[in-house]
C-alpha atoms as a PDB file:
ATOM      1  CA  MET A   1       0.000   0.000   0.000  1.00  0.00           C
ATOM      2  CA  SER A   2       1.355   3.361  -0.906  1.00  0.00           C
ATOM      3  CA  GLU A   3       1.092   6.153   1.593  1.00  0.00           C
ATOM      4  CA  PRO A   4      -1.295   9.088   0.920  1.00  0.00           C
ATOM      5  CA  GLY A   5       0.273  11.598  -1.411  1.00  0.00           C
ATOM      6  CA  GLU A   6       3.159   9.288  -2.252  1.00  0.00           C
ATOM      7  CA  GLU A   7       2.355   9.280  -5.974  1.00  0.00           C
ATOM      8  CA  SER A   8       2.478  13.058  -6.105  1.00  0.00           C
ATOM      9  CA  ARG A   9       5.839  13.155  -4.422  1.00  0.00           C
ATOM     10  CA  ALA A  10       8.718  14.114  -6.727  1.00  0.00           C
ATOM     11  CA  ARG A  11      11.170  11.254  -7.139  1.00  0.00           C
ATOM     12  CA  LEU A  12      14.924  11.420  -7.446  1.00  0.00           C
ATOM     13  CA  ARG A  13      16.967   8.565  -8.854  1.00  0.00           C
ATOM     14  CA  VAL A  14      20.739   8.925  -8.843  1.00  0.00           C
ATOM     15  CA  PHE A  15      22.993   6.401 -10.563  1.00  0.00           C
ATOM     16  CA  ARG A  16      26.713   5.851 -10.503  1.00  0.00           C
ATOM     17  CA  GLY A  17      28.347   3.360 -12.804  1.00  0.00           C
ATOM     18  CA  GLY A  18      24.939   2.069 -13.885  1.00  0.00           C
ATOM     19  CA  ARG A  19      23.768   1.109 -10.379  1.00  0.00           C
ATOM     20  CA  ALA A  20      22.012   3.072  -7.683  1.00  0.00           C
ATOM     21  CA  ARG A  21      24.276   4.065  -4.827  1.00  0.00           C
ATOM     22  CA  ALA A  22      23.802   5.907  -1.571  1.00  0.00           C
ATOM     23  CA  GLY A  23      27.347   6.595  -0.492  1.00  0.00           C
ATOM     24  CA  ARG A  24      29.036   4.169   1.873  1.00  0.00           C
ATOM     25  CA  GLY A  25      27.518   0.966   3.150  1.00  0.00           C
ATOM     26  CA  GLN A  26      24.512  -0.792   1.660  1.00  0.00           C
ATOM     27  CA  PRO A  27      22.758   1.012  -1.226  1.00  0.00           C
ATOM     28  CA  ALA A  28      19.647   2.836  -0.076  1.00  0.00           C
ATOM     29  CA  SER A  29      16.309   2.559  -1.797  1.00  0.00           C
ATOM     30  CA  PRO A  30      15.006   5.458  -3.917  1.00  0.00           C
ATOM     31  CA  ARG A  31      12.500   6.209  -1.131  1.00  0.00           C
ATOM     32  CA  GLU A  32      15.298   6.421   1.446  1.00  0.00           C
ATOM     33  CA  VAL A  33      17.346   8.729  -0.807  1.00  0.00           C
ATOM     34  CA  ALA A  34      14.304  10.953  -1.344  1.00  0.00           C
ATOM     35  CA  ARG A  35      13.639  11.040   2.392  1.00  0.00           C
ATOM     36  CA  ARG A  36      17.189  12.133   3.167  1.00  0.00           C
ATOM     37  CA  LEU A  37      17.166  14.765   0.435  1.00  0.00           C
ATOM     38  CA  SER A  38      13.849  16.131   1.705  1.00  0.00           C
ATOM     39  CA  ALA A  39      15.328  16.594   5.163  1.00  0.00           C
ATOM     40  CA  LEU A  40      18.335  18.380   3.669  1.00  0.00           C
ATOM     41  CA  GLU A  41      16.112  20.530   1.478  1.00  0.00           C
ATOM     42  CA  ARG A  42      14.143  21.701   4.503  1.00  0.00           C
ATOM     43  CA  ARG A  43      17.382  22.820   6.115  1.00  0.00           C
ATOM     44  CA  VAL A  44      18.384  24.649   2.935  1.00  0.00           C
ATOM     45  CA  GLU A  45      15.024  26.416   2.804  1.00  0.00           C
ATOM     46  CA  GLN A  46      15.463  27.614   6.361  1.00  0.00           C
ATOM     47  CA  ALA A  47      18.975  28.861   5.549  1.00  0.00           C
ATOM     48  CA  LEU A  48      17.682  30.708   2.491  1.00  0.00           C
ATOM     49  CA  GLY A  49      14.764  32.193   4.417  1.00  0.00           C
ATOM     50  CA  GLY A  50      12.187  30.295   2.388  1.00  0.00           C
ATOM     51  CA  GLY A  51      10.224  29.042   5.374  1.00  0.00           C
ATOM     52  CA  GLY A  52       8.215  25.886   5.137  1.00  0.00           C
ATOM     53  CA  GLU A  53       5.987  26.778   2.231  1.00  0.00           C
ATOM     54  CA  VAL A  54       5.007  23.798   0.086  1.00  0.00           C
ATOM     55  CA  ALA A  55       5.565  25.707  -3.144  1.00  0.00           C
ATOM     56  CA  THR A  56       9.127  26.572  -2.159  1.00  0.00           C
ATOM     57  CA  ARG A  57       9.854  22.981  -1.185  1.00  0.00           C
ATOM     58  CA  ASP A  58       8.476  21.702  -4.476  1.00  0.00           C
ATOM     59  CA  ARG A  59      10.631  24.158  -6.459  1.00  0.00           C
ATOM     60  CA  VAL A  60      13.747  23.147  -4.545  1.00  0.00           C
ATOM     61  CA  ARG A  61      13.047  19.453  -5.067  1.00  0.00           C
ATOM     62  CA  ALA A  62      12.222  19.877  -8.752  1.00  0.00           C
ATOM     63  CA  ALA A  63      15.348  21.959  -9.411  1.00  0.00           C
ATOM     64  CA  LEU A  64      17.559  19.472  -7.600  1.00  0.00           C
ATOM     65  CA  ASP A  65      15.923  16.607  -9.456  1.00  0.00           C
ATOM     66  CA  ARG A  66      16.646  18.149 -12.852  1.00  0.00           C
ATOM     67  CA  ALA A  67      20.215  19.164 -12.073  1.00  0.00           C
ATOM     68  CA  LEU A  68      21.189  15.899 -10.395  1.00  0.00           C
ATOM     69  CA  ALA A  69      19.628  13.861 -13.185  1.00  0.00           C
ATOM     70  CA  ALA A  70      21.650  15.770 -15.770  1.00  0.00           C
ATOM     71  CA  VAL A  71      24.904  15.239 -13.881  1.00  0.00           C
ATOM     72  CA  ALA A  72      24.003  11.577 -13.278  1.00  0.00           C
ATOM     73  CA  ASP A  73      23.482  11.126 -17.026  1.00  0.00           C
ATOM     74  CA  LEU A  74      27.024  12.378 -17.565  1.00  0.00           C
ATOM     75  CA  ARG A  75      28.408  10.004 -14.932  1.00  0.00           C
ATOM     76  CA  ARG A  76      26.572   7.045 -16.513  1.00  0.00           C
ATOM     77  CA  SER A  77      28.342   7.677 -19.795  1.00  0.00           C
ATOM     78  CA  ALA A  78      30.877   5.040 -20.718  1.00  0.00           C
ATOM     79  CA  PRO A  79      34.490   5.977 -19.889  1.00  0.00           C
ATOM     80  CA  ARG A  80      35.465   5.525 -23.537  1.00  0.00           C
ATOM     81  CA  ASP A  81      32.785   8.044 -24.570  1.00  0.00           C
ATOM     82  CA  LEU A  82      34.040  10.619 -22.075  1.00  0.00           C
ATOM     83  CA  ALA A  83      37.634   9.959 -23.095  1.00  0.00           C
ATOM     84  CA  ALA A  84      36.643  10.478 -26.712  1.00  0.00           C
ATOM     85  CA  LEU A  85      34.950  13.753 -25.772  1.00  0.00           C
ATOM     86  CA  ALA A  86      38.110  14.903 -23.985  1.00  0.00           C
ATOM     87  CA  ASP A  87      40.091  13.996 -27.101  1.00  0.00           C
ATOM     88  CA  VAL A  88      37.687  16.018 -29.225  1.00  0.00           C
ATOM     89  CA  LEU A  89      38.192  19.010 -26.963  1.00  0.00           C
ATOM     90  CA  GLY A  90      41.949  18.542 -27.262  1.00  0.00           C
ATOM     91  CA  THR A  91      44.756  20.546 -25.733  1.00  0.00           C
ATOM     92  CA  ASP A  92      44.352  23.428 -28.196  1.00  0.00           C
ATOM     93  CA  ALA A  93      40.654  23.837 -27.411  1.00  0.00           C
ATOM     94  CA  THR A  94      41.363  23.697 -23.675  1.00  0.00           C
ATOM     95  CA  GLU A  95      44.051  26.351 -24.036  1.00  0.00           C
ATOM     96  CA  SER A  96      41.730  28.534 -26.109  1.00  0.00           C
ATOM     97  CA  LEU A  97      38.930  28.254 -23.556  1.00  0.00           C
ATOM     98  CA  LEU A  98      41.198  29.120 -20.632  1.00  0.00           C
ATOM     99  CA  GLY A  99      42.678  32.016 -22.599  1.00  0.00           C
ATOM    100  CA  ALA A 100      39.195  33.366 -23.367  1.00  0.00           C
ATOM    101  CA  LEU A 101      38.204  33.153 -19.697  1.00  0.00           C
ATOM    102  CA  TYR A 102      41.398  34.937 -18.714  1.00  0.00           C
ATOM    103  CA  ARG A 103      41.269  37.747 -21.282  1.00  0.00           C
ATOM    104  CA  TYR A 104      37.605  38.342 -22.041  1.00  0.00           C
ATOM    105  CA  TRP A 105      35.342  36.782 -19.391  1.00  0.00           C
ATOM    106  CA  TRP A 106      37.192  37.731 -16.203  1.00  0.00           C
ATOM    107  CA  ARG A 107      39.577  40.303 -17.773  1.00  0.00           C
ATOM    108  CA  VAL A 108      42.337  39.262 -15.392  1.00  0.00           C
ATOM    109  CA  GLU A 109      44.880  41.854 -14.334  1.00  0.00           C
ATOM    110  CA  THR A 110      48.123  40.984 -12.543  1.00  0.00           C
ATOM    111  CA  VAL A 111      50.111  42.920  -9.969  1.00  0.00           C
ATOM    112  CA  GLY A 112      53.633  41.886  -9.024  1.00  0.00           C
ATOM    113  CA  ARG A 113      53.959  39.007 -11.469  1.00  0.00           C
ATOM    114  CA  GLU A 114      57.649  39.829 -11.814  1.00  0.00           C
ATOM    115  CA  ARG A 115      58.096  38.491  -8.276  1.00  0.00           C
ATOM    116  CA  VAL A 116      57.717  34.954  -9.594  1.00  0.00           C
ATOM    117  CA  PRO A 117      61.130  33.572 -10.620  1.00  0.00           C
ATOM    118  CA  ALA A 118      61.422  33.226 -14.383  1.00  0.00           C
ATOM    119  CA  SER A 119      62.925  29.761 -13.988  1.00  0.00           C
ATOM    120  CA  GLY A 120      63.556  27.219 -11.276  1.00  0.00           C
ATOM    121  CA  ARG A 121      61.257  25.611  -8.749  1.00  0.00           C
ATOM    122  CA  VAL A 122      58.631  27.640  -6.905  1.00  0.00           C
ATOM    123  CA  VAL A 123      55.357  26.974  -5.063  1.00  0.00           C
ATOM    124  CA  LEU A 124      52.530  29.440  -5.770  1.00  0.00           C
ATOM    125  CA  VAL A 125      49.942  29.449  -2.950  1.00  0.00           C
ATOM    126  CA  ALA A 126      46.539  30.943  -3.836  1.00  0.00           C
ATOM    127  CA  ASN A 127      43.187  31.382  -2.089  1.00  0.00           C
ATOM    128  CA  ARG A 128      40.039  29.566  -3.220  1.00  0.00           C
ATOM    129  CA  GLY A 129      36.464  30.735  -3.784  1.00  0.00           C
ATOM    130  CA  GLY A 130      33.141  28.928  -3.926  1.00  0.00           C
ATOM    131  CA  ALA A 131      33.441  27.095  -7.261  1.00  0.00           C
ATOM    132  CA  LEU A 132      34.200  23.367  -7.295  1.00  0.00           C
ATOM    133  CA  VAL A 133      36.179  23.837 -10.508  1.00  0.00           C
ATOM    134  CA  PRO A 134      39.632  25.262  -9.598  1.00  0.00           C
ATOM    135  CA  TYR A 135      39.264  28.418 -11.676  1.00  0.00           C
ATOM    136  CA  GLU A 136      41.715  30.238  -9.393  1.00  0.00           C
ATOM    137  CA  ALA A 137      44.575  27.829 -10.041  1.00  0.00           C
ATOM    138  CA  LEU A 138      43.801  27.791 -13.763  1.00  0.00           C
ATOM    139  CA  MET A 139      43.904  31.572 -14.026  1.00  0.00           C
ATOM    140  CA  VAL A 140      47.165  31.717 -12.060  1.00  0.00           C
ATOM    141  CA  ARG A 141      48.463  29.157 -14.530  1.00  0.00           C
ATOM    142  CA  GLU A 142      47.447  31.456 -17.402  1.00  0.00           C
ATOM    143  CA  ALA A 143      49.416  34.264 -15.769  1.00  0.00           C
ATOM    144  CA  VAL A 144      52.449  32.043 -15.058  1.00  0.00           C
ATOM    145  CA  ARG A 145      52.511  29.738 -18.048  1.00  0.00           C
ATOM    146  CA  ARG A 146      55.135  27.374 -16.717  1.00  0.00           C
ATOM    147  CA  ALA A 147      53.218  26.618 -13.495  1.00  0.00           C
ATOM    148  CA  ARG A 148      51.140  23.453 -13.026  1.00  0.00           C
ATOM    149  CA  PRO A 149      47.956  23.350 -10.880  1.00  0.00           C
ATOM    150  CA  VAL A 150      47.764  20.696  -8.165  1.00  0.00           C
ATOM    151  CA  LEU A 151      44.382  18.926  -7.904  1.00  0.00           C
ATOM    152  CA  ASP A 152      42.634  16.952  -5.180  1.00  0.00           C
ATOM    153  CA  ASP A 153      42.154  13.268  -6.005  1.00  0.00           C
ATOM    154  CA  TRP A 154      38.352  13.518  -6.314  1.00  0.00           C
ATOM    155  CA  MET A 155      38.713  16.203  -8.981  1.00  0.00           C
ATOM    156  CA  ALA A 156      41.345  14.297 -10.956  1.00  0.00           C
ATOM    157  CA  ASP A 157      39.036  11.251 -10.923  1.00  0.00           C
ATOM    158  CA  LEU A 158      36.027  13.026 -12.483  1.00  0.00           C
ATOM    159  CA  PRO A 159      35.269  11.420 -15.868  1.00  0.00           C
ATOM    160  CA  LEU A 160      35.501  14.472 -18.133  1.00  0.00           C
ATOM    161  CA  LEU A 161      36.739  17.391 -16.068  1.00  0.00           C
ATOM    162  CA  GLY A 162      39.724  15.430 -14.771  1.00  0.00           C
ATOM    163  CA  ALA A 163      40.903  14.695 -18.314  1.00  0.00           C
ATOM    164  CA  VAL A 164      40.417  18.307 -19.421  1.00  0.00           C
ATOM    165  CA  LEU A 165      42.335  19.625 -16.411  1.00  0.00           C
ATOM    166  CA  ALA A 166      45.140  17.168 -17.097  1.00  0.00           C
ATOM    167  CA  ARG A 167      45.421  18.651 -20.598  1.00  0.00           C
ATOM    168  CA  ALA A 168      45.918  22.020 -18.906  1.00  0.00           C
ATOM    169  CA  GLY A 169      48.931  20.586 -17.083  1.00  0.00           C
ATOM    170  CA  ALA A 170      47.221  19.809 -13.762  1.00  0.00           C
ATOM    171  CA  VAL A 171      48.598  17.022 -11.556  1.00  0.00           C
ATOM    172  CA  ARG A 172      47.367  15.111  -8.507  1.00  0.00           C
ATOM    173  CA  ALA A 173      48.139  16.461  -5.061  1.00  0.00           C
ATOM    174  CA  ALA A 174      50.408  13.558  -4.106  1.00  0.00           C
ATOM    175  CA  PRO A 175      53.490  14.811  -2.199  1.00  0.00           C
ATOM    176  CA  ALA A 176      55.731  12.487  -4.225  1.00  0.00           C
ATOM    177  CA  THR A 177      54.421  13.949  -7.480  1.00  0.00           C
ATOM    178  CA  VAL A 178      54.873  17.545  -6.319  1.00  0.00           C
ATOM    179  CA  ARG A 179      58.348  16.759  -4.998  1.00  0.00           C
ATOM    180  CA  ARG A 180      59.313  15.231  -8.352  1.00  0.00           C
ATOM    181  CA  LEU A 181      58.126  18.299 -10.264  1.00  0.00           C
ATOM    182  CA  LEU A 182      60.015  20.652  -7.983  1.00  0.00           C
ATOM    183  CA  ALA A 183      63.158  18.520  -8.274  1.00  0.00           C
ATOM    184  CA  ARG A 184      62.947  19.109 -12.037  1.00  0.00           C
ATOM    185  CA  GLY A 185      62.838  22.868 -11.472  1.00  0.00           C
ATOM    186  CA  GLU A 186      59.128  23.320 -12.241  1.00  0.00           C
ATOM    187  CA  ALA A 187      56.511  25.607 -10.677  1.00  0.00           C
ATOM    188  CA  VAL A 188      53.340  24.322  -9.011  1.00  0.00           C
ATOM    189  CA  ILE A 189      50.127  26.040  -7.890  1.00  0.00           C
ATOM    190  CA  VAL A 190      48.390  24.933  -4.682  1.00  0.00           C
ATOM    191  CA  CYS A 191      45.175  26.107  -3.025  1.00  0.00           C
ATOM    192  CA  PRO A 192      45.496  24.601   0.463  1.00  0.00           C
ATOM    193  CA  GLU A 193      42.254  25.762   2.107  1.00  0.00           C
ATOM    194  CA  THR A 194      40.422  22.712   3.459  1.00  0.00           C
ATOM    195  CA  ASP A 195      36.946  24.251   3.873  1.00  0.00           C
ATOM    196  CA  HIS A 196      35.784  24.136   0.294  1.00  0.00           C
ATOM    197  CA  PRO A 197      33.610  25.289  -1.351  1.00  0.00           C
ATOM    198  CA  LYS A 198      33.569  28.296   0.925  1.00  0.00           C
ATOM    199  CA  ALA A 199      30.253  29.857   1.972  1.00  0.00           C
ATOM    200  CA  PHE A 200      29.682  33.306   0.508  1.00  0.00           C
ATOM    201  CA  ARG A 201      29.450  34.861   3.965  1.00  0.00           C
ATOM    202  CA  ASN A 202      33.087  33.790   4.519  1.00  0.00           C
ATOM    203  CA  ARG A 203      34.388  35.212   1.244  1.00  0.00           C
ATOM    204  CA  TYR A 204      37.991  36.399   1.262  1.00  0.00           C
ATOM    205  CA  ARG A 205      38.534  35.034   4.770  1.00  0.00           C
ATOM    206  CA  LEU A 206      41.031  32.209   4.470  1.00  0.00           C
ATOM    207  CA  GLY A 207      40.082  28.856   5.918  1.00  0.00           C
ATOM    208  CA  ARG A 208      42.389  26.343   7.544  1.00  0.00           C
ATOM    209  CA  PHE A 209      45.409  25.156   5.575  1.00  0.00           C
ATOM    210  CA  GLY A 210      45.259  21.579   6.818  1.00  0.00           C
ATOM    211  CA  ARG A 211      48.503  19.897   7.833  1.00  0.00           C
ATOM    212  CA  GLY A 212      50.630  21.981   5.502  1.00  0.00           C
ATOM    213  CA  ALA A 213      51.753  19.382   2.970  1.00  0.00           C
ATOM    214  CA  PHE A 214      52.885  22.171   0.634  1.00  0.00           C
ATOM    215  CA  ALA A 215      55.071  23.630   3.405  1.00  0.00           C
ATOM    216  CA  ARG A 216      56.629  20.255   4.140  1.00  0.00           C
ATOM    217  CA  VAL A 217      57.516  19.684   0.485  1.00  0.00           C
ATOM    218  CA  ALA A 218      58.867  23.234   0.147  1.00  0.00           C
ATOM    219  CA  ILE A 219      61.146  22.735   3.155  1.00  0.00           C
ATOM    220  CA  ALA A 220      62.335  19.335   1.946  1.00  0.00           C
ATOM    221  CA  THR A 221      63.229  20.693  -1.491  1.00  0.00           C
ATOM    222  CA  GLY A 222      64.318  24.208  -0.493  1.00  0.00           C
ATOM    223  CA  THR A 223      61.655  25.747  -2.730  1.00  0.00           C
ATOM    224  CA  PRO A 224      60.614  29.416  -2.432  1.00  0.00           C
ATOM    225  CA  ILE A 225      56.917  30.123  -1.825  1.00  0.00           C
ATOM    226  CA  VAL A 226      55.039  32.976  -3.503  1.00  0.00           C
ATOM    227  CA  PRO A 227      51.568  33.886  -2.128  1.00  0.00           C
ATOM    228  CA  VAL A 228      48.991  34.827  -4.790  1.00  0.00           C
ATOM    229  CA  ALA A 229      45.812  36.690  -3.837  1.00  0.00           C
ATOM    230  CA  VAL A 230      42.945  36.039  -6.268  1.00  0.00           C
ATOM    231  CA  ILE A 231      40.358  38.838  -6.145  1.00  0.00           C
ATOM    232  CA  GLY A 232      37.068  38.301  -7.983  1.00  0.00           C
ATOM    233  CA  ALA A 233      36.838  34.514  -7.790  1.00  0.00           C
ATOM    234  CA  GLU A 234      34.770  34.432  -4.600  1.00  0.00           C
ATOM    235  CA  GLU A 235      31.744  35.899  -6.429  1.00  0.00           C
ATOM    236  CA  VAL A 236      31.638  33.723  -9.570  1.00  0.00           C
ATOM    237  CA  HIS A 237      29.575  31.068  -7.716  1.00  0.00           C
ATOM    238  CA  PRO A 238      28.311  32.529  -4.419  1.00  0.00           C
ATOM    239  CA  VAL A 239      27.636  29.498  -2.201  1.00  0.00           C
ATOM    240  CA  LEU A 240      24.422  29.898  -0.194  1.00  0.00           C
ATOM    241  CA  ALA A 241      24.329  26.364   1.204  1.00  0.00           C
ATOM    242  CA  ARG A 242      25.899  22.934   0.687  1.00  0.00           C
ATOM    243  CA  LEU A 243      24.279  19.503   0.321  1.00  0.00           C
ATOM    244  CA  ASP A 244      26.783  16.818   1.266  1.00  0.00           C
ATOM    245  CA  LEU A 245      24.711  13.694   0.591  1.00  0.00           C
ATOM    246  CA  PRO A 246      23.772  14.539  -3.032  1.00  0.00           C
ATOM    247  CA  GLY A 247      27.370  15.544  -3.632  1.00  0.00           C
ATOM    248  CA  ARG A 248      28.681  12.189  -2.412  1.00  0.00           C
ATOM    249  CA  LEU A 249      26.147  10.372  -4.565  1.00  0.00           C
ATOM    250  CA  LEU A 250      27.682  12.146  -7.568  1.00  0.00           C
ATOM    251  CA  GLY A 251      31.294  11.574  -6.535  1.00  0.00           C
ATOM    252  CA  LEU A 252      31.764  15.174  -5.306  1.00  0.00           C
ATOM    253  CA  PRO A 253      32.765  16.332  -1.817  1.00  0.00           C
ATOM    254  CA  THR A 254      29.534  18.340  -1.620  1.00  0.00           C
ATOM    255  CA  LEU A 255      26.892  19.944  -3.847  1.00  0.00           C
ATOM    256  CA  PRO A 256      26.892  23.747  -3.526  1.00  0.00           C
ATOM    257  CA  LEU A 257      23.683  25.736  -3.932  1.00  0.00           C
ATOM    258  CA  THR A 258      24.164  29.158  -5.512  1.00  0.00           C
ATOM    259  CA  PRO A 259      21.803  31.894  -6.765  1.00  0.00           C
ATOM    260  CA  THR A 260      21.896  30.189 -10.204  1.00  0.00           C
ATOM    261  CA  PHE A 261      22.420  26.469  -9.465  1.00  0.00           C
ATOM    262  CA  PRO A 262      20.390  24.265  -9.496  1.00  0.00           C
ATOM    263  CA  TRP A 263      17.568  26.705 -10.257  1.00  0.00           C
ATOM    264  CA  LEU A 264      18.769  27.261 -13.853  1.00  0.00           C
ATOM    265  CA  GLY A 265      19.878  23.659 -14.394  1.00  0.00           C
ATOM    266  CA  LEU A 266      23.283  23.202 -15.992  1.00  0.00           C
ATOM    267  CA  TRP A 267      23.194  26.831 -17.160  1.00  0.00           C
ATOM    268  CA  GLY A 268      23.574  27.660 -13.481  1.00  0.00           C
ATOM    269  CA  LEU A 269      27.109  26.249 -13.628  1.00  0.00           C
ATOM    270  CA  VAL A 270      28.268  29.117 -15.845  1.00  0.00           C
ATOM    271  CA  PRO A 271      30.447  31.383 -13.648  1.00  0.00           C
ATOM    272  CA  LEU A 272      29.592  35.046 -13.339  1.00  0.00           C
ATOM    273  CA  PRO A 273      31.814  37.497 -15.321  1.00  0.00           C
ATOM    274  CA  THR A 274      33.385  39.269 -12.368  1.00  0.00           C
ATOM    275  CA  LYS A 275      36.542  41.367 -12.704  1.00  0.00           C
ATOM    276  CA  TRP A 276      39.642  39.523 -11.475  1.00  0.00           C
ATOM    277  CA  THR A 277      42.969  40.715 -10.135  1.00  0.00           C
ATOM    278  CA  LEU A 278      45.938  38.506  -9.204  1.00  0.00           C
ATOM    279  CA  LEU A 279      48.338  39.978  -6.664  1.00  0.00           C
ATOM    280  CA  PHE A 280      51.701  38.225  -6.334  1.00  0.00           C
ATOM    281  CA  GLY A 281      53.436  38.696  -2.996  1.00  0.00           C
ATOM    282  CA  GLU A 282      57.095  38.713  -2.074  1.00  0.00           C
ATOM    283  CA  PRO A 283      58.685  35.239  -2.246  1.00  0.00           C
ATOM    284  CA  LEU A 284      59.537  33.468   1.002  1.00  0.00           C
ATOM    285  CA  ASP A 285      63.100  32.156   0.839  1.00  0.00           C
ATOM    286  CA  VAL A 286      62.472  28.787   2.457  1.00  0.00           C
ATOM    287  CA  ALA A 287      65.996  27.439   1.897  1.00  0.00           C
ATOM    288  CA  ALA A 288      67.525  30.372   3.785  1.00  0.00           C
ATOM    289  CA  ARG A 289      65.430  29.631   6.882  1.00  0.00           C
ATOM    290  CA  HIS A 290      65.082  25.870   6.892  1.00  0.00           C
ATOM    291  CA  GLY A 291      67.242  22.854   6.276  1.00  0.00           C
ATOM    292  CA  ALA A 292      65.881  19.793   4.510  1.00  0.00           C
ATOM    293  CA  ASN A 293      65.702  17.933   7.845  1.00  0.00           C
ATOM    294  CA  ASP A 294      63.188  20.476   9.146  1.00  0.00           C
ATOM    295  CA  ALA A 295      60.575  18.827   6.927  1.00  0.00           C
ATOM    296  CA  SER A 296      60.268  16.071   9.535  1.00  0.00           C
ATOM    297  CA  ASP A 297      59.591  18.575  12.337  1.00  0.00           C
ATOM    298  CA  PRO A 298      55.795  19.173  12.585  1.00  0.00           C
ATOM    299  CA  ALA A 299      56.283  22.379  14.561  1.00  0.00           C
ATOM    300  CA  ARG A 300      58.508  23.966  11.906  1.00  0.00           C
ATOM    301  CA  VAL A 301      56.184  22.843   9.131  1.00  0.00           C
ATOM    302  CA  ALA A 302      53.185  24.317  10.965  1.00  0.00           C
ATOM    303  CA  ARG A 303      55.055  27.562  11.553  1.00  0.00           C
ATOM    304  CA  LEU A 304      55.820  27.979   7.854  1.00  0.00           C
ATOM    305  CA  ARG A 305      52.254  27.012   6.912  1.00  0.00           C
ATOM    306  CA  ASP A 306      50.822  29.649   9.245  1.00  0.00           C
ATOM    307  CA  GLN A 307      53.284  32.264   8.038  1.00  0.00           C
ATOM    308  CA  VAL A 308      52.212  31.712   4.423  1.00  0.00           C
ATOM    309  CA  ARG A 309      48.561  31.857   5.435  1.00  0.00           C
ATOM    310  CA  GLU A 310      49.062  35.168   7.250  1.00  0.00           C
ATOM    311  CA  ARG A 311      50.911  36.681   4.294  1.00  0.00           C
ATOM    312  CA  LEU A 312      48.261  35.516   1.858  1.00  0.00           C
ATOM    313  CA  GLN A 313      45.436  36.884   4.020  1.00  0.00           C
ATOM    314  CA  ALA A 314      47.172  40.271   4.197  1.00  0.00           C
ATOM    315  CA  LEU A 315      47.620  40.213   0.419  1.00  0.00           C
ATOM    316  CA  VAL A 316      43.926  39.395  -0.081  1.00  0.00           C
ATOM    317  CA  LEU A 317      42.921  42.347   2.090  1.00  0.00           C
ATOM    318  CA  GLU A 318      45.250  44.566   0.082  1.00  0.00           C
ATOM    319  CA  GLY A 319      43.617  43.363  -3.118  1.00  0.00           C
ATOM    320  CA  LEU A 320      40.147  44.122  -1.772  1.00  0.00           C
ATOM    321  CA  ARG A 321      41.301  47.618  -0.816  1.00  0.00           C
ATOM    322  CA  ARG A 322      42.537  48.174  -4.376  1.00  0.00           C
ATOM    323  CA  ARG A 323      39.391  46.831  -6.055  1.00  0.00           C
ATOM    324  CA  ARG A 324      37.267  49.502  -7.728  1.00  0.00           C
ATOM    325  CA  SER A 325      34.313  47.441  -8.926  1.00  0.00           C
ATOM    326  CA  LEU A 326      32.997  43.881  -8.790  1.00  0.00           C
ATOM    327  CA  PHE A 327      32.247  43.639 -12.519  1.00  0.00           C
ATOM    328  CA  LEU A 328      33.905  46.642 -14.148  1.00  0.00           C
ATOM    329  CA  GLY A 329      37.617  47.183 -14.731  1.00  0.00           C
END
């Protein structure tokens, strides 16, 4: 027997790899997934000031249903199809797209780019905004062409985006990989904030930097660190709330809700054309202050991590002071 009103209830079916999943443990039934999402949606409505109106709840559920179904369709695609699509995009198309975002969409300006060494190893440490896609690291890479963005594992594992980012020179955030690149004299870009995507109310306030893996590698290899403040990225996807369960069902750390997503479907994933500025700070000469053995000392690693965080926060505040307009140059 179905419960009263059950037939009128919007249904959400999320698939991964061709089978329904509900995160860890035993797969949950579609009813259980819908029940959990409904509870999360009620919390989102309260956060957004929507109250408990039925119409608002139905709009939230319907929008989530459409957006999640579209993303689930992409995840159900065969790996060979997604690989073929990445091949069609190609390195040239990826470069052209990133160049267009840099020059025309966000009209990126740079301040102090000459502080980045023209050759040799260096770690560029930048702040993150609310977008799941690492636009900040990609735009820093456009400004410093020889630098390579460092990605979290979940992002590198995404079927299509991971392949496209790899074509832009991105690498996984494995310490051994970063150490190998630095040993070859390359530049890497890291965004070490752990609270991501950041809520809009916390914009331009740096979150925790975790255990400081970037600082440990920099000490071990004697690599200078250059802080990079990214101004403008925090507003491209203002995060109003986060849904962790739907995000995990889709292989993401969370699913951010913004003023445009999921209300506009996949069109809501288009970032806003804010005006960006990249401010490059003075390099920290790590080799002059630390020996390679200091990399095994947690206290020294934490001290360097916190020092970089403080410098980057000060640089971000300086960038905000300089900013004239959110959208205009």
